[in-house]
Amino acid sequence: MERLSTRQVYANSWMTVREDEIRRPDGTDGIYGVIDKPTYALVIPRADDGRLHLVEQFRYPVGARRWEFPAGTAPDRAAPHPDDLAVQELVEETGLAAGRMELLGTIDVAPGMSSQRGHVYLATELTQGEVRREDSEADMRAGWFTRSEFEAMIGEGVVADAQTLAAYALLMLRDRNGDGHGFA
């Protein structure tokens, strides 16, 4: 696929939207609207007893509160290394510091409309410190859940965030295979 032209149609501190005129391999022309957002880090905090730490906040686009694993991007579309971003997001949203942080994998958010990619980490050997939430996260709540509780929340639709669900799949593969890579 060949991009013939591109133009930015919207931008703010967190994203840009562009419109690309394209030529498909068969020679026909088309158009793509693309949401460009910076890479994010998602962290699965897991206690020594196996409980998972989630945060809950109001998500304006869907008009509802959602339980999710801590995740985020840097402001002003900055691009810090995902390892650094993971540490920052964990402390910011939960107050937790990880003695060990393991990369589980990478996921594309919505490749049919967005260029955003996320890096998923497992945080263990946790110690509690002070939460450092941004003003926009003031309504955020946090809680610890057993795997059974978490899976029940998925079944009930209480956990519906696609990135959280994909991250949990990476964690399940890692735990099943025990090699840290998620594949046998």
N, C-alpha and C. Protein backbone atom coordinates (compact mmCIF):
# COMPACT_ATOMS: atom_id res chain seq x y z
N MET A 1 0.85 -1.16 0.00
CA MET A 1 0.00 0.00 0.00
C MET A 1 0.90 1.23 0.00
N GLU A 2 0.57 2.21 -0.82
CA GLU A 2 1.38 3.41 -0.97
C GLU A 2 0.59 4.62 -0.47
N ARG A 3 1.24 5.41 0.37
CA ARG A 3 0.62 6.66 0.82
C ARG A 3 0.95 7.74 -0.21
N LEU A 4 -0.10 8.37 -0.77
CA LEU A 4 0.07 9.41 -1.77
C LEU A 4 0.20 10.79 -1.14
N SER A 5 -0.57 11.01 -0.07
CA SER A 5 -0.51 12.29 0.63
C SER A 5 -1.05 12.10 2.04
N THR A 6 -0.74 13.06 2.89
CA THR A 6 -1.26 13.02 4.26
C THR A 6 -1.51 14.44 4.72
N ARG A 7 -2.51 14.60 5.56
CA ARG A 7 -2.75 15.92 6.16
C ARG A 7 -3.30 15.71 7.57
N GLN A 8 -2.81 16.53 8.47
CA GLN A 8 -3.28 16.48 9.85
C GLN A 8 -4.60 17.22 9.93
N VAL A 9 -5.61 16.57 10.52
CA VAL A 9 -6.92 17.21 10.63
C VAL A 9 -7.25 17.60 12.07
N TYR A 10 -6.47 17.11 13.05
CA TYR A 10 -6.73 17.44 14.45
C TYR A 10 -5.50 17.09 15.27
N ALA A 11 -5.25 17.85 16.34
CA ALA A 11 -4.16 17.53 17.25
C ALA A 11 -4.46 18.11 18.63
N ASN A 12 -4.06 17.38 19.66
CA ASN A 12 -4.05 17.89 21.03
C ASN A 12 -2.81 17.32 21.72
N SER A 13 -2.69 17.46 23.02
CA SER A 13 -1.49 17.00 23.73
C SER A 13 -1.34 15.48 23.74
N TRP A 14 -2.40 14.75 23.44
CA TRP A 14 -2.36 13.29 23.57
C TRP A 14 -2.43 12.54 22.25
N MET A 15 -2.87 13.23 21.17
CA MET A 15 -3.07 12.51 19.91
C MET A 15 -3.13 13.45 18.73
N THR A 16 -2.97 12.87 17.55
CA THR A 16 -3.26 13.58 16.30
C THR A 16 -4.14 12.68 15.45
N VAL A 17 -4.89 13.29 14.58
CA VAL A 17 -5.69 12.55 13.61
C VAL A 17 -5.26 13.05 12.24
N ARG A 18 -4.96 12.09 11.37
CA ARG A 18 -4.55 12.46 10.02
C ARG A 18 -5.41 11.72 9.01
N GLU A 19 -5.44 12.28 7.81
CA GLU A 19 -6.15 11.66 6.71
C GLU A 19 -5.14 11.40 5.60
N ASP A 20 -5.01 10.14 5.23
CA ASP A 20 -4.06 9.73 4.20
C ASP A 20 -4.80 9.30 2.94
N GLU A 21 -4.36 9.83 1.81
CA GLU A 21 -4.81 9.30 0.53
C GLU A 21 -3.83 8.18 0.18
N ILE A 22 -4.38 7.03 -0.19
CA ILE A 22 -3.55 5.84 -0.44
C ILE A 22 -3.84 5.23 -1.80
N ARG A 23 -2.90 4.43 -2.25
CA ARG A 23 -3.11 3.62 -3.45
C ARG A 23 -2.90 2.17 -3.04
N ARG A 24 -3.92 1.36 -3.28
CA ARG A 24 -3.87 -0.06 -2.94
C ARG A 24 -3.02 -0.84 -3.95
N PRO A 25 -2.60 -2.03 -3.62
CA PRO A 25 -1.79 -2.83 -4.55
C PRO A 25 -2.47 -3.07 -5.90
N ASP A 26 -3.81 -3.07 -5.94
CA ASP A 26 -4.50 -3.29 -7.22
C ASP A 26 -4.61 -2.00 -8.06
N GLY A 27 -4.06 -0.88 -7.53
CA GLY A 27 -4.06 0.37 -8.26
C GLY A 27 -5.21 1.31 -7.93
N THR A 28 -6.18 0.85 -7.16
CA THR A 28 -7.29 1.73 -6.79
C THR A 28 -6.87 2.66 -5.66
N ASP A 29 -7.46 3.85 -5.66
CA ASP A 29 -7.17 4.84 -4.64
C ASP A 29 -8.17 4.73 -3.50
N GLY A 30 -7.76 5.18 -2.36
CA GLY A 30 -8.63 5.16 -1.19
C GLY A 30 -8.18 6.19 -0.17
N ILE A 31 -8.80 6.15 0.98
CA ILE A 31 -8.52 7.10 2.04
C ILE A 31 -8.51 6.37 3.38
N TYR A 32 -7.62 6.77 4.27
CA TYR A 32 -7.57 6.24 5.62
C TYR A 32 -7.57 7.40 6.60
N GLY A 33 -8.39 7.31 7.62
CA GLY A 33 -8.31 8.20 8.77
C GLY A 33 -7.50 7.46 9.82
N VAL A 34 -6.44 8.08 10.33
CA VAL A 34 -5.54 7.41 11.27
C VAL A 34 -5.40 8.24 12.54
N ILE A 35 -5.58 7.60 13.67
CA ILE A 35 -5.35 8.21 14.97
C ILE A 35 -3.93 7.84 15.39
N ASP A 36 -3.09 8.84 15.55
CA ASP A 36 -1.72 8.62 16.01
C ASP A 36 -1.64 9.00 17.49
N LYS A 37 -1.27 8.04 18.30
CA LYS A 37 -1.06 8.27 19.72
C LYS A 37 0.28 7.66 20.08
N PRO A 38 0.95 8.20 21.08
CA PRO A 38 2.26 7.65 21.44
C PRO A 38 2.15 6.25 22.04
N THR A 39 3.26 5.57 22.02
CA THR A 39 3.35 4.25 22.64
C THR A 39 2.98 4.37 24.12
N TYR A 40 2.30 3.36 24.63
CA TYR A 40 1.95 3.37 26.05
C TYR A 40 2.54 2.14 26.73
N ALA A 41 2.54 2.20 28.04
CA ALA A 41 2.94 1.05 28.86
C ALA A 41 1.75 0.65 29.71
N LEU A 42 1.52 -0.65 29.81
CA LEU A 42 0.50 -1.22 30.67
C LEU A 42 1.21 -2.14 31.65
N VAL A 43 0.84 -2.04 32.92
CA VAL A 43 1.52 -2.81 33.95
C VAL A 43 0.51 -3.68 34.69
N ILE A 44 0.84 -4.97 34.82
CA ILE A 44 0.04 -5.90 35.62
C ILE A 44 0.75 -6.05 36.96
N PRO A 45 0.27 -5.36 38.01
CA PRO A 45 0.87 -5.54 39.32
C PRO A 45 0.33 -6.83 39.96
N ARG A 46 1.25 -7.74 40.31
CA ARG A 46 0.83 -9.01 40.92
C ARG A 46 1.55 -9.18 42.25
N ALA A 47 0.74 -9.35 43.29
CA ALA A 47 1.27 -9.54 44.65
C ALA A 47 1.86 -10.94 44.78
N ASP A 48 2.62 -11.15 45.83
CA ASP A 48 3.23 -12.45 46.08
C ASP A 48 2.18 -13.57 46.20
N ASP A 49 0.97 -13.21 46.68
CA ASP A 49 -0.09 -14.21 46.83
C ASP A 49 -0.91 -14.39 45.54
N GLY A 50 -0.51 -13.72 44.45
CA GLY A 50 -1.18 -13.88 43.16
C GLY A 50 -2.27 -12.88 42.86
N ARG A 51 -2.65 -12.07 43.85
CA ARG A 51 -3.70 -11.07 43.58
C ARG A 51 -3.20 -10.03 42.57
N LEU A 52 -4.15 -9.49 41.82
CA LEU A 52 -3.87 -8.51 40.78
C LEU A 52 -4.40 -7.14 41.22
N HIS A 53 -3.66 -6.10 40.92
CA HIS A 53 -4.05 -4.75 41.29
C HIS A 53 -4.59 -4.04 40.06
N LEU A 54 -5.80 -3.50 40.19
CA LEU A 54 -6.44 -2.78 39.10
C LEU A 54 -6.82 -1.38 39.54
N VAL A 55 -7.02 -0.51 38.56
CA VAL A 55 -7.53 0.82 38.83
C VAL A 55 -8.85 0.98 38.10
N GLU A 56 -9.71 1.82 38.66
CA GLU A 56 -11.01 2.08 38.04
C GLU A 56 -11.17 3.57 37.86
N GLN A 57 -11.61 3.96 36.66
CA GLN A 57 -11.83 5.37 36.39
C GLN A 57 -12.94 5.53 35.37
N PHE A 58 -13.48 6.74 35.30
CA PHE A 58 -14.50 7.05 34.32
C PHE A 58 -13.85 7.21 32.97
N ARG A 59 -14.38 6.52 31.97
CA ARG A 59 -13.88 6.61 30.59
C ARG A 59 -14.91 7.35 29.77
N TYR A 60 -14.63 8.60 29.49
CA TYR A 60 -15.58 9.48 28.80
C TYR A 60 -16.10 8.91 27.48
N PRO A 61 -15.25 8.38 26.59
CA PRO A 61 -15.78 7.91 25.30
C PRO A 61 -16.86 6.84 25.41
N VAL A 62 -16.81 5.99 26.43
CA VAL A 62 -17.83 4.95 26.58
C VAL A 62 -18.86 5.32 27.66
N GLY A 63 -18.66 6.45 28.34
CA GLY A 63 -19.62 6.94 29.32
C GLY A 63 -19.79 6.05 30.52
N ALA A 64 -18.72 5.38 30.95
CA ALA A 64 -18.83 4.45 32.08
C ALA A 64 -17.49 4.33 32.80
N ARG A 65 -17.57 3.87 34.04
CA ARG A 65 -16.36 3.57 34.80
C ARG A 65 -15.87 2.20 34.36
N ARG A 66 -14.55 2.02 34.32
CA ARG A 66 -13.95 0.76 33.87
C ARG A 66 -12.79 0.38 34.78
N TRP A 67 -12.74 -0.90 35.15
CA TRP A 67 -11.60 -1.46 35.85
C TRP A 67 -10.57 -1.88 34.81
N GLU A 68 -9.32 -1.52 35.04
CA GLU A 68 -8.25 -1.79 34.08
C GLU A 68 -6.94 -1.99 34.83
N PHE A 69 -5.97 -2.55 34.15
CA PHE A 69 -4.62 -2.52 34.67
C PHE A 69 -4.08 -1.11 34.49
N PRO A 70 -3.18 -0.66 35.37
CA PRO A 70 -2.60 0.67 35.21
C PRO A 70 -1.89 0.79 33.87
N ALA A 71 -2.11 1.91 33.19
CA ALA A 71 -1.50 2.11 31.87
C ALA A 71 -1.52 3.59 31.53
N GLY A 72 -0.67 3.96 30.59
CA GLY A 72 -0.71 5.33 30.13
C GLY A 72 0.43 5.69 29.20
N THR A 73 0.34 6.91 28.70
CA THR A 73 1.35 7.49 27.83
C THR A 73 1.94 8.70 28.53
N ALA A 74 2.99 9.24 27.94
CA ALA A 74 3.58 10.47 28.45
C ALA A 74 2.82 11.66 27.89
N PRO A 75 2.73 12.76 28.64
CA PRO A 75 2.04 13.94 28.11
C PRO A 75 2.79 14.57 26.94
N ASP A 76 2.05 15.37 26.19
CA ASP A 76 2.59 16.12 25.05
C ASP A 76 3.19 15.21 23.99
N ARG A 77 2.65 14.02 23.88
CA ARG A 77 3.05 13.03 22.87
C ARG A 77 4.55 12.71 22.95
N ALA A 78 5.12 12.85 24.14
CA ALA A 78 6.53 12.50 24.35
C ALA A 78 6.69 10.99 24.18
N ALA A 79 7.92 10.56 23.97
CA ALA A 79 8.18 9.15 23.70
C ALA A 79 9.30 8.61 24.59
N PRO A 80 9.06 8.50 25.90
CA PRO A 80 10.09 7.89 26.75
C PRO A 80 10.20 6.40 26.45
N HIS A 81 11.27 5.79 26.90
CA HIS A 81 11.41 4.34 26.72
C HIS A 81 10.27 3.64 27.46
N PRO A 82 9.67 2.62 26.87
CA PRO A 82 8.55 1.93 27.52
C PRO A 82 8.88 1.42 28.93
N ASP A 83 10.11 0.98 29.17
CA ASP A 83 10.49 0.52 30.52
C ASP A 83 10.31 1.64 31.53
N ASP A 84 10.77 2.83 31.18
CA ASP A 84 10.66 3.99 32.08
C ASP A 84 9.20 4.40 32.26
N LEU A 85 8.45 4.35 31.18
CA LEU A 85 7.04 4.71 31.23
C LEU A 85 6.27 3.74 32.13
N ALA A 86 6.61 2.46 32.07
CA ALA A 86 5.93 1.46 32.91
C ALA A 86 6.16 1.76 34.40
N VAL A 87 7.38 2.06 34.77
CA VAL A 87 7.70 2.39 36.16
C VAL A 87 6.91 3.63 36.59
N GLN A 88 6.90 4.64 35.73
CA GLN A 88 6.20 5.89 36.02
C GLN A 88 4.69 5.67 36.20
N GLU A 89 4.07 4.94 35.29
CA GLU A 89 2.63 4.71 35.36
C GLU A 89 2.24 3.91 36.60
N LEU A 90 3.05 2.92 36.94
CA LEU A 90 2.76 2.10 38.12
C LEU A 90 2.74 2.96 39.38
N VAL A 91 3.77 3.77 39.56
CA VAL A 91 3.85 4.63 40.74
C VAL A 91 2.75 5.68 40.71
N GLU A 92 2.57 6.30 39.56
CA GLU A 92 1.59 7.38 39.44
C GLU A 92 0.18 6.92 39.80
N GLU A 93 -0.26 5.81 39.23
CA GLU A 93 -1.65 5.38 39.40
C GLU A 93 -1.90 4.55 40.65
N THR A 94 -0.87 3.84 41.15
CA THR A 94 -1.10 2.93 42.27
C THR A 94 -0.25 3.22 43.50
N GLY A 95 0.85 3.96 43.33
CA GLY A 95 1.78 4.16 44.43
C GLY A 95 2.70 2.98 44.64
N LEU A 96 2.59 1.97 43.80
CA LEU A 96 3.42 0.77 43.95
C LEU A 96 4.76 0.93 43.24
N ALA A 97 5.78 0.35 43.85
CA ALA A 97 7.10 0.26 43.22
C ALA A 97 7.40 -1.22 43.06
N ALA A 98 7.94 -1.60 41.92
CA ALA A 98 8.21 -3.01 41.62
C ALA A 98 9.69 -3.31 41.82
N GLY A 99 9.97 -4.38 42.54
CA GLY A 99 11.34 -4.87 42.65
C GLY A 99 11.75 -5.57 41.37
N ARG A 100 10.75 -6.07 40.64
CA ARG A 100 11.01 -6.76 39.37
C ARG A 100 9.94 -6.37 38.36
N MET A 101 10.38 -6.01 37.16
CA MET A 101 9.48 -5.64 36.08
C MET A 101 9.87 -6.47 34.86
N GLU A 102 8.93 -7.26 34.35
CA GLU A 102 9.20 -8.18 33.23
C GLU A 102 8.32 -7.82 32.04
N LEU A 103 8.94 -7.63 30.88
CA LEU A 103 8.19 -7.36 29.66
C LEU A 103 7.51 -8.65 29.21
N LEU A 104 6.18 -8.60 29.05
CA LEU A 104 5.41 -9.77 28.60
C LEU A 104 5.17 -9.76 27.10
N GLY A 105 5.08 -8.59 26.51
CA GLY A 105 4.83 -8.53 25.07
C GLY A 105 4.35 -7.17 24.64
N THR A 106 4.00 -7.08 23.37
CA THR A 106 3.56 -5.84 22.75
C THR A 106 2.21 -6.08 22.08
N ILE A 107 1.33 -5.09 22.19
CA ILE A 107 0.01 -5.21 21.57
C ILE A 107 -0.31 -3.93 20.79
N ASP A 108 -1.02 -4.10 19.68
CA ASP A 108 -1.53 -2.97 18.91
C ASP A 108 -2.94 -2.67 19.41
N VAL A 109 -3.23 -1.41 19.65
CA VAL A 109 -4.51 -1.02 20.23
C VAL A 109 -5.67 -1.31 19.29
N ALA A 110 -5.65 -0.70 18.14
CA ALA A 110 -6.73 -0.84 17.16
C ALA A 110 -6.12 -0.62 15.78
N PRO A 111 -5.40 -1.62 15.24
CA PRO A 111 -4.61 -1.41 14.03
C PRO A 111 -5.41 -1.03 12.78
N GLY A 112 -6.71 -1.14 12.83
CA GLY A 112 -7.52 -0.70 11.70
C GLY A 112 -7.74 0.79 11.66
N MET A 113 -7.41 1.49 12.79
CA MET A 113 -7.64 2.94 12.81
C MET A 113 -6.59 3.71 13.60
N SER A 114 -5.69 3.02 14.30
CA SER A 114 -4.73 3.72 15.14
C SER A 114 -3.34 3.11 15.01
N SER A 115 -2.33 3.97 15.10
CA SER A 115 -0.95 3.50 15.06
C SER A 115 -0.43 3.15 16.45
N GLN A 116 -1.22 3.34 17.48
CA GLN A 116 -0.74 3.17 18.85
C GLN A 116 -0.41 1.72 19.17
N ARG A 117 0.71 1.57 19.85
CA ARG A 117 1.20 0.26 20.29
C ARG A 117 1.48 0.34 21.79
N GLY A 118 1.24 -0.77 22.48
CA GLY A 118 1.49 -0.81 23.91
C GLY A 118 2.45 -1.92 24.29
N HIS A 119 3.19 -1.68 25.36
CA HIS A 119 4.12 -2.67 25.90
C HIS A 119 3.57 -3.11 27.25
N VAL A 120 3.45 -4.42 27.45
CA VAL A 120 2.82 -4.99 28.63
C VAL A 120 3.89 -5.55 29.56
N TYR A 121 3.81 -5.16 30.83
CA TYR A 121 4.78 -5.58 31.83
C TYR A 121 4.09 -6.27 33.00
N LEU A 122 4.80 -7.20 33.60
CA LEU A 122 4.39 -7.83 34.85
C LEU A 122 5.27 -7.23 35.95
N ALA A 123 4.63 -6.63 36.96
CA ALA A 123 5.35 -6.04 38.09
C ALA A 123 5.17 -6.93 39.31
N THR A 124 6.27 -7.35 39.91
CA THR A 124 6.25 -8.18 41.11
C THR A 124 7.21 -7.60 42.15
N GLU A 125 7.28 -8.26 43.30
CA GLU A 125 8.09 -7.78 44.42
C GLU A 125 7.72 -6.33 44.73
N LEU A 126 6.43 -6.13 45.00
CA LEU A 126 5.85 -4.80 45.11
C LEU A 126 5.95 -4.23 46.52
N THR A 127 6.18 -2.93 46.59
CA THR A 127 6.12 -2.19 47.85
C THR A 127 5.21 -0.99 47.64
N GLN A 128 4.43 -0.67 48.68
CA GLN A 128 3.46 0.43 48.58
C GLN A 128 4.10 1.75 48.97
N GLY A 129 3.87 2.75 48.15
CA GLY A 129 4.29 4.11 48.43
C GLY A 129 3.12 5.05 48.19
N GLU A 130 3.42 6.31 47.95
CA GLU A 130 2.38 7.30 47.71
C GLU A 130 1.95 7.33 46.25
N VAL A 131 0.64 7.44 46.05
CA VAL A 131 0.07 7.59 44.72
C VAL A 131 0.39 9.00 44.22
N ARG A 132 0.67 9.14 42.92
CA ARG A 132 1.00 10.45 42.34
C ARG A 132 0.16 10.71 41.10
N ARG A 133 -1.13 10.59 41.25
CA ARG A 133 -2.04 10.72 40.10
C ARG A 133 -2.08 12.14 39.53
N GLU A 134 -2.29 12.19 38.22
CA GLU A 134 -2.51 13.47 37.54
C GLU A 134 -3.89 13.99 37.93
N ASP A 135 -4.13 15.28 37.72
CA ASP A 135 -5.43 15.87 38.05
C ASP A 135 -6.57 15.14 37.35
N SER A 136 -6.35 14.72 36.12
CA SER A 136 -7.40 14.04 35.36
C SER A 136 -7.71 12.65 35.92
N GLU A 137 -6.89 12.16 36.85
CA GLU A 137 -7.10 10.85 37.45
C GLU A 137 -7.61 10.93 38.88
N ALA A 138 -8.09 12.11 39.28
CA ALA A 138 -8.50 12.34 40.66
C ALA A 138 -9.62 11.40 41.12
N ASP A 139 -10.47 10.96 40.19
CA ASP A 139 -11.59 10.07 40.56
C ASP A 139 -11.20 8.59 40.52
N MET A 140 -9.94 8.30 40.26
CA MET A 140 -9.49 6.93 40.12
C MET A 140 -9.56 6.20 41.46
N ARG A 141 -10.01 4.96 41.40
CA ARG A 141 -10.00 4.07 42.56
C ARG A 141 -9.10 2.91 42.24
N ALA A 142 -8.68 2.19 43.25
CA ALA A 142 -7.78 1.05 43.04
C ALA A 142 -8.20 -0.09 43.96
N GLY A 143 -7.86 -1.31 43.56
CA GLY A 143 -8.19 -2.45 44.39
C GLY A 143 -7.41 -3.69 43.98
N TRP A 144 -7.30 -4.60 44.94
CA TRP A 144 -6.65 -5.89 44.72
C TRP A 144 -7.73 -6.94 44.50
N PHE A 145 -7.49 -7.86 43.55
CA PHE A 145 -8.46 -8.89 43.21
C PHE A 145 -7.75 -10.21 43.00
N THR A 146 -8.38 -11.29 43.48
CA THR A 146 -7.84 -12.61 43.17
C THR A 146 -8.07 -12.88 41.69
N ARG A 147 -7.39 -13.88 41.16
CA ARG A 147 -7.61 -14.22 39.75
C ARG A 147 -9.06 -14.63 39.52
N SER A 148 -9.64 -15.36 40.46
CA SER A 148 -11.04 -15.78 40.32
C SER A 148 -11.96 -14.58 40.28
N GLU A 149 -11.73 -13.61 41.17
CA GLU A 149 -12.54 -12.40 41.16
C GLU A 149 -12.37 -11.64 39.85
N PHE A 150 -11.12 -11.52 39.40
CA PHE A 150 -10.83 -10.81 38.15
C PHE A 150 -11.52 -11.49 36.97
N GLU A 151 -11.43 -12.80 36.88
CA GLU A 151 -12.07 -13.52 35.78
C GLU A 151 -13.58 -13.41 35.84
N ALA A 152 -14.15 -13.39 37.04
CA ALA A 152 -15.59 -13.18 37.18
C ALA A 152 -15.97 -11.78 36.69
N MET A 153 -15.13 -10.79 36.98
CA MET A 153 -15.38 -9.43 36.51
C MET A 153 -15.35 -9.36 34.98
N ILE A 154 -14.48 -10.15 34.37
CA ILE A 154 -14.45 -10.21 32.90
C ILE A 154 -15.77 -10.80 32.40
N GLY A 155 -16.18 -11.91 32.99
CA GLY A 155 -17.42 -12.57 32.58
C GLY A 155 -18.65 -11.70 32.75
N GLU A 156 -18.63 -10.85 33.76
CA GLU A 156 -19.77 -9.96 34.03
C GLU A 156 -19.70 -8.66 33.22
N GLY A 157 -18.62 -8.46 32.47
CA GLY A 157 -18.47 -7.24 31.69
C GLY A 157 -17.98 -6.05 32.51
N VAL A 158 -17.59 -6.29 33.76
CA VAL A 158 -17.07 -5.22 34.60
C VAL A 158 -15.67 -4.83 34.15
N VAL A 159 -14.89 -5.82 33.70
CA VAL A 159 -13.61 -5.57 33.05
C VAL A 159 -13.86 -5.80 31.56
N ALA A 160 -13.81 -4.71 30.78
CA ALA A 160 -14.10 -4.81 29.35
C ALA A 160 -13.05 -4.10 28.50
N ASP A 161 -12.03 -3.56 29.12
CA ASP A 161 -10.97 -2.85 28.41
C ASP A 161 -10.16 -3.84 27.58
N ALA A 162 -10.09 -3.61 26.28
CA ALA A 162 -9.41 -4.55 25.38
C ALA A 162 -7.94 -4.73 25.72
N GLN A 163 -7.27 -3.64 26.10
CA GLN A 163 -5.85 -3.75 26.44
C GLN A 163 -5.64 -4.58 27.70
N THR A 164 -6.52 -4.42 28.68
CA THR A 164 -6.43 -5.22 29.90
C THR A 164 -6.65 -6.69 29.58
N LEU A 165 -7.63 -6.98 28.74
CA LEU A 165 -7.91 -8.37 28.37
C LEU A 165 -6.75 -8.99 27.59
N ALA A 166 -6.18 -8.23 26.65
CA ALA A 166 -5.04 -8.73 25.89
C ALA A 166 -3.83 -8.94 26.79
N ALA A 167 -3.62 -8.02 27.72
CA ALA A 167 -2.49 -8.15 28.66
C ALA A 167 -2.66 -9.39 29.53
N TYR A 168 -3.89 -9.65 29.95
CA TYR A 168 -4.14 -10.83 30.77
C TYR A 168 -3.86 -12.11 29.98
N ALA A 169 -4.18 -12.10 28.70
CA ALA A 169 -3.86 -13.25 27.84
C ALA A 169 -2.34 -13.47 27.80
N LEU A 170 -1.56 -12.40 27.68
CA LEU A 170 -0.10 -12.53 27.70
C LEU A 170 0.38 -13.09 29.04
N LEU A 171 -0.24 -12.64 30.13
CA LEU A 171 0.13 -13.15 31.45
C LEU A 171 -0.21 -14.64 31.57
N MET A 172 -1.37 -15.04 31.08
CA MET A 172 -1.75 -16.45 31.14
C MET A 172 -0.78 -17.31 30.33
N LEU A 173 -0.36 -16.86 29.16
CA LEU A 173 0.61 -17.61 28.36
C LEU A 173 1.94 -17.72 29.10
N ARG A 174 2.37 -16.62 29.70
CA ARG A 174 3.63 -16.63 30.46
C ARG A 174 3.56 -17.62 31.61
N ASP A 175 2.46 -17.57 32.35
CA ASP A 175 2.32 -18.45 33.51
C ASP A 175 2.17 -19.91 33.10
N ARG A 176 1.47 -20.15 32.02
CA ARG A 176 1.27 -21.52 31.55
C ARG A 176 2.59 -22.15 31.12
N ASN A 177 3.41 -21.36 30.45
CA ASN A 177 4.67 -21.90 29.91
C ASN A 177 5.86 -21.68 30.82
N GLY A 178 5.75 -20.74 31.74
CA GLY A 178 6.78 -20.54 32.74
C GLY A 178 8.13 -20.10 32.22
N ASP A 179 8.22 -19.73 30.95
CA ASP A 179 9.53 -19.35 30.40
C ASP A 179 9.68 -17.85 30.25
N GLY A 180 8.66 -17.09 30.63
CA GLY A 180 8.76 -15.66 30.52
C GLY A 180 8.52 -15.14 29.12
N HIS A 181 8.37 -16.02 28.14
CA HIS A 181 8.15 -15.57 26.77
C HIS A 181 6.73 -15.84 26.29
N GLY A 182 5.98 -16.64 27.00
CA GLY A 182 4.60 -16.89 26.65
C GLY A 182 4.39 -17.96 25.59
N PHE A 183 5.46 -18.56 25.09
CA PHE A 183 5.31 -19.57 24.05
C PHE A 183 6.09 -20.82 24.41
N ALA A 184 5.53 -21.97 24.07
CA ALA A 184 6.20 -23.24 24.38
C ALA A 184 7.26 -23.53 23.36
